[in-house]
Amino acid sequence: MYYAELSQMEAKEFAERQLKCPQCGFPLGFAFSDCAGHLKLKCRKCKSISVLNFAYFRRQRGVRRRIT
């Protein structure tokens, strides 16, 4: 119980991003900004099995700034 509460408090600081199926775009789940490595997921909609690299799902801040 203590570790679950501690983990939840630590996760408040991280940015959360959504993982989508590369075949059909169906949402597969969420990952936090501290995740690294690869994850093998099966899509519930199209039944394809995909290996996702977390490095490709990082958000970059400041890339899409509007120039005024």
N, C-alpha and C. Protein backbone atom coordinates (compact mmCIF):
# COMPACT_ATOMS: atom_id res chain seq x y z
N MET A 1 0.83 -1.18 0.00
CA MET A 1 0.00 0.00 0.00
C MET A 1 0.88 1.25 0.00
N TYR A 2 1.92 1.25 0.78
CA TYR A 2 2.82 2.40 0.87
C TYR A 2 3.50 2.65 -0.46
N TYR A 3 3.96 1.58 -1.13
CA TYR A 3 4.67 1.73 -2.40
C TYR A 3 3.75 2.22 -3.51
N ALA A 4 2.49 1.84 -3.48
CA ALA A 4 1.53 2.32 -4.48
C ALA A 4 1.31 3.82 -4.33
N GLU A 5 1.18 4.30 -3.12
CA GLU A 5 1.00 5.73 -2.88
C GLU A 5 2.25 6.51 -3.25
N LEU A 6 3.41 5.97 -2.93
CA LEU A 6 4.68 6.61 -3.26
C LEU A 6 4.87 6.70 -4.77
N SER A 7 4.53 5.64 -5.47
CA SER A 7 4.64 5.63 -6.93
C SER A 7 3.71 6.66 -7.56
N GLN A 8 2.52 6.79 -7.03
CA GLN A 8 1.57 7.75 -7.57
C GLN A 8 2.04 9.18 -7.33
N MET A 9 2.64 9.45 -6.19
CA MET A 9 3.17 10.78 -5.91
C MET A 9 4.33 11.12 -6.84
N GLU A 10 5.18 10.15 -7.13
CA GLU A 10 6.30 10.37 -8.03
C GLU A 10 5.83 10.61 -9.46
N ALA A 11 4.76 9.96 -9.87
CA ALA A 11 4.27 10.06 -11.25
C ALA A 11 3.59 11.39 -11.54
N LYS A 12 3.23 12.16 -10.52
CA LYS A 12 2.60 13.46 -10.73
C LYS A 12 3.54 14.43 -11.45
N GLU A 13 4.84 14.25 -11.28
CA GLU A 13 5.82 15.16 -11.87
C GLU A 13 6.08 14.86 -13.35
N PHE A 14 5.76 13.68 -13.82
CA PHE A 14 6.08 13.28 -15.18
C PHE A 14 4.96 13.66 -16.16
N ALA A 15 5.38 13.93 -17.38
CA ALA A 15 4.40 14.18 -18.45
C ALA A 15 3.89 12.84 -18.96
N GLU A 16 2.61 12.79 -19.26
CA GLU A 16 2.00 11.55 -19.74
C GLU A 16 1.72 11.68 -21.23
N ARG A 17 2.01 10.61 -21.97
CA ARG A 17 1.76 10.64 -23.40
C ARG A 17 1.00 9.37 -23.81
N GLN A 18 0.22 9.51 -24.87
CA GLN A 18 -0.62 8.41 -25.33
C GLN A 18 0.10 7.61 -26.40
N LEU A 19 0.00 6.29 -26.33
CA LEU A 19 0.56 5.39 -27.33
C LEU A 19 -0.58 4.91 -28.22
N LYS A 20 -0.38 5.00 -29.53
CA LYS A 20 -1.41 4.57 -30.48
C LYS A 20 -0.85 3.47 -31.38
N CYS A 21 -1.75 2.64 -31.89
CA CYS A 21 -1.38 1.56 -32.80
C CYS A 21 -0.87 2.17 -34.10
N PRO A 22 0.29 1.74 -34.59
CA PRO A 22 0.80 2.29 -35.84
C PRO A 22 0.00 1.86 -37.07
N GLN A 23 -0.79 0.80 -36.95
CA GLN A 23 -1.58 0.31 -38.08
C GLN A 23 -2.90 1.05 -38.22
N CYS A 24 -3.65 1.17 -37.12
CA CYS A 24 -5.01 1.73 -37.21
C CYS A 24 -5.20 3.00 -36.38
N GLY A 25 -4.27 3.35 -35.53
CA GLY A 25 -4.38 4.56 -34.73
C GLY A 25 -5.20 4.42 -33.46
N PHE A 26 -5.60 3.22 -33.11
CA PHE A 26 -6.38 2.96 -31.89
C PHE A 26 -5.50 3.20 -30.66
N PRO A 27 -6.00 3.88 -29.63
CA PRO A 27 -5.18 4.11 -28.44
C PRO A 27 -4.87 2.81 -27.70
N LEU A 28 -3.59 2.58 -27.45
CA LEU A 28 -3.15 1.35 -26.78
C LEU A 28 -2.92 1.55 -25.29
N GLY A 29 -2.54 2.74 -24.89
CA GLY A 29 -2.27 2.99 -23.49
C GLY A 29 -1.53 4.29 -23.31
N PHE A 30 -0.98 4.47 -22.12
CA PHE A 30 -0.26 5.68 -21.79
C PHE A 30 1.12 5.33 -21.26
N ALA A 31 2.05 6.25 -21.48
CA ALA A 31 3.42 6.09 -20.98
C ALA A 31 3.84 7.40 -20.35
N PHE A 32 4.67 7.31 -19.34
CA PHE A 32 5.18 8.50 -18.68
C PHE A 32 6.50 8.91 -19.32
N SER A 33 6.90 10.14 -19.06
CA SER A 33 8.09 10.70 -19.71
C SER A 33 9.39 10.03 -19.27
N ASP A 34 9.40 9.31 -18.19
CA ASP A 34 10.63 8.66 -17.74
C ASP A 34 10.80 7.25 -18.32
N CYS A 35 9.86 6.78 -19.12
CA CYS A 35 9.94 5.45 -19.72
C CYS A 35 11.02 5.41 -20.79
N ALA A 36 11.71 4.30 -20.85
CA ALA A 36 12.76 4.12 -21.85
C ALA A 36 12.72 2.67 -22.33
N GLY A 37 13.19 2.47 -23.55
CA GLY A 37 13.26 1.12 -24.07
C GLY A 37 12.16 0.80 -25.06
N HIS A 38 11.84 -0.48 -25.16
CA HIS A 38 10.85 -0.96 -26.12
C HIS A 38 9.72 -1.68 -25.38
N LEU A 39 8.55 -1.69 -26.02
CA LEU A 39 7.39 -2.36 -25.45
C LEU A 39 6.64 -3.07 -26.57
N LYS A 40 6.25 -4.31 -26.32
CA LYS A 40 5.51 -5.09 -27.31
C LYS A 40 4.04 -5.09 -26.89
N LEU A 41 3.18 -4.57 -27.79
CA LEU A 41 1.76 -4.44 -27.50
C LEU A 41 0.92 -5.07 -28.60
N LYS A 42 -0.26 -5.56 -28.22
CA LYS A 42 -1.22 -6.09 -29.19
C LYS A 42 -2.43 -5.17 -29.21
N CYS A 43 -2.81 -4.74 -30.41
CA CYS A 43 -3.95 -3.85 -30.58
C CYS A 43 -5.24 -4.64 -30.41
N ARG A 44 -6.16 -4.09 -29.63
CA ARG A 44 -7.45 -4.77 -29.41
C ARG A 44 -8.38 -4.62 -30.60
N LYS A 45 -8.12 -3.63 -31.44
CA LYS A 45 -9.02 -3.38 -32.57
C LYS A 45 -8.60 -4.18 -33.81
N CYS A 46 -7.35 -4.02 -34.26
CA CYS A 46 -6.93 -4.68 -35.50
C CYS A 46 -6.12 -5.96 -35.26
N LYS A 47 -5.83 -6.28 -34.00
CA LYS A 47 -5.13 -7.51 -33.58
C LYS A 47 -3.68 -7.58 -34.07
N SER A 48 -3.08 -6.46 -34.47
CA SER A 48 -1.68 -6.48 -34.88
C SER A 48 -0.80 -6.37 -33.64
N ILE A 49 0.35 -7.00 -33.71
CA ILE A 49 1.33 -6.95 -32.62
C ILE A 49 2.45 -6.03 -33.07
N SER A 50 2.72 -5.00 -32.27
CA SER A 50 3.70 -3.99 -32.62
C SER A 50 4.71 -3.84 -31.50
N VAL A 51 5.95 -3.56 -31.88
CA VAL A 51 6.99 -3.21 -30.92
C VAL A 51 7.18 -1.71 -31.02
N LEU A 52 6.98 -1.01 -29.90
CA LEU A 52 7.08 0.44 -29.87
C LEU A 52 8.33 0.85 -29.12
N ASN A 53 9.08 1.77 -29.70
CA ASN A 53 10.25 2.34 -29.06
C ASN A 53 9.82 3.65 -28.41
N PHE A 54 10.03 3.78 -27.12
CA PHE A 54 9.59 4.98 -26.40
C PHE A 54 10.31 6.24 -26.87
N ALA A 55 11.48 6.12 -27.45
CA ALA A 55 12.22 7.29 -27.92
C ALA A 55 11.47 8.00 -29.04
N TYR A 56 10.67 7.28 -29.80
CA TYR A 56 9.93 7.88 -30.91
C TYR A 56 8.65 8.55 -30.45
N PHE A 57 8.25 8.36 -29.21
CA PHE A 57 7.01 8.93 -28.71
C PHE A 57 7.24 10.06 -27.72
N ARG A 58 8.45 10.60 -27.68
CA ARG A 58 8.74 11.72 -26.79
C ARG A 58 8.19 13.00 -27.39
N ARG A 59 7.78 13.89 -26.53
CA ARG A 59 7.32 15.20 -26.97
C ARG A 59 8.48 16.17 -26.90
N GLN A 60 8.58 17.00 -27.90
CA GLN A 60 9.60 18.03 -27.90
C GLN A 60 8.93 19.37 -27.69
N ARG A 61 9.40 20.09 -26.71
CA ARG A 61 8.82 21.39 -26.44
C ARG A 61 9.52 22.45 -27.27
N GLY A 62 8.75 23.40 -27.75
CA GLY A 62 9.30 24.53 -28.45
C GLY A 62 9.54 24.31 -29.93
N VAL A 63 9.22 23.14 -30.45
CA VAL A 63 9.46 22.87 -31.87
C VAL A 63 8.42 23.57 -32.73
N ARG A 64 7.19 23.60 -32.27
CA ARG A 64 6.11 24.19 -33.06
C ARG A 64 5.71 25.56 -32.51
N ARG A 65 6.65 26.41 -32.32
CA ARG A 65 6.34 27.76 -31.85
C ARG A 65 5.80 28.61 -32.97
N ARG A 66 4.84 29.43 -32.62
CA ARG A 66 4.32 30.38 -33.59
C ARG A 66 5.23 31.59 -33.66
N ILE A 67 5.54 32.00 -34.83
CA ILE A 67 6.36 33.19 -35.02
C ILE A 67 5.42 34.37 -35.23
N THR A 68 5.54 35.38 -34.38
CA THR A 68 4.65 36.55 -34.48
C THR A 68 5.41 37.77 -34.91
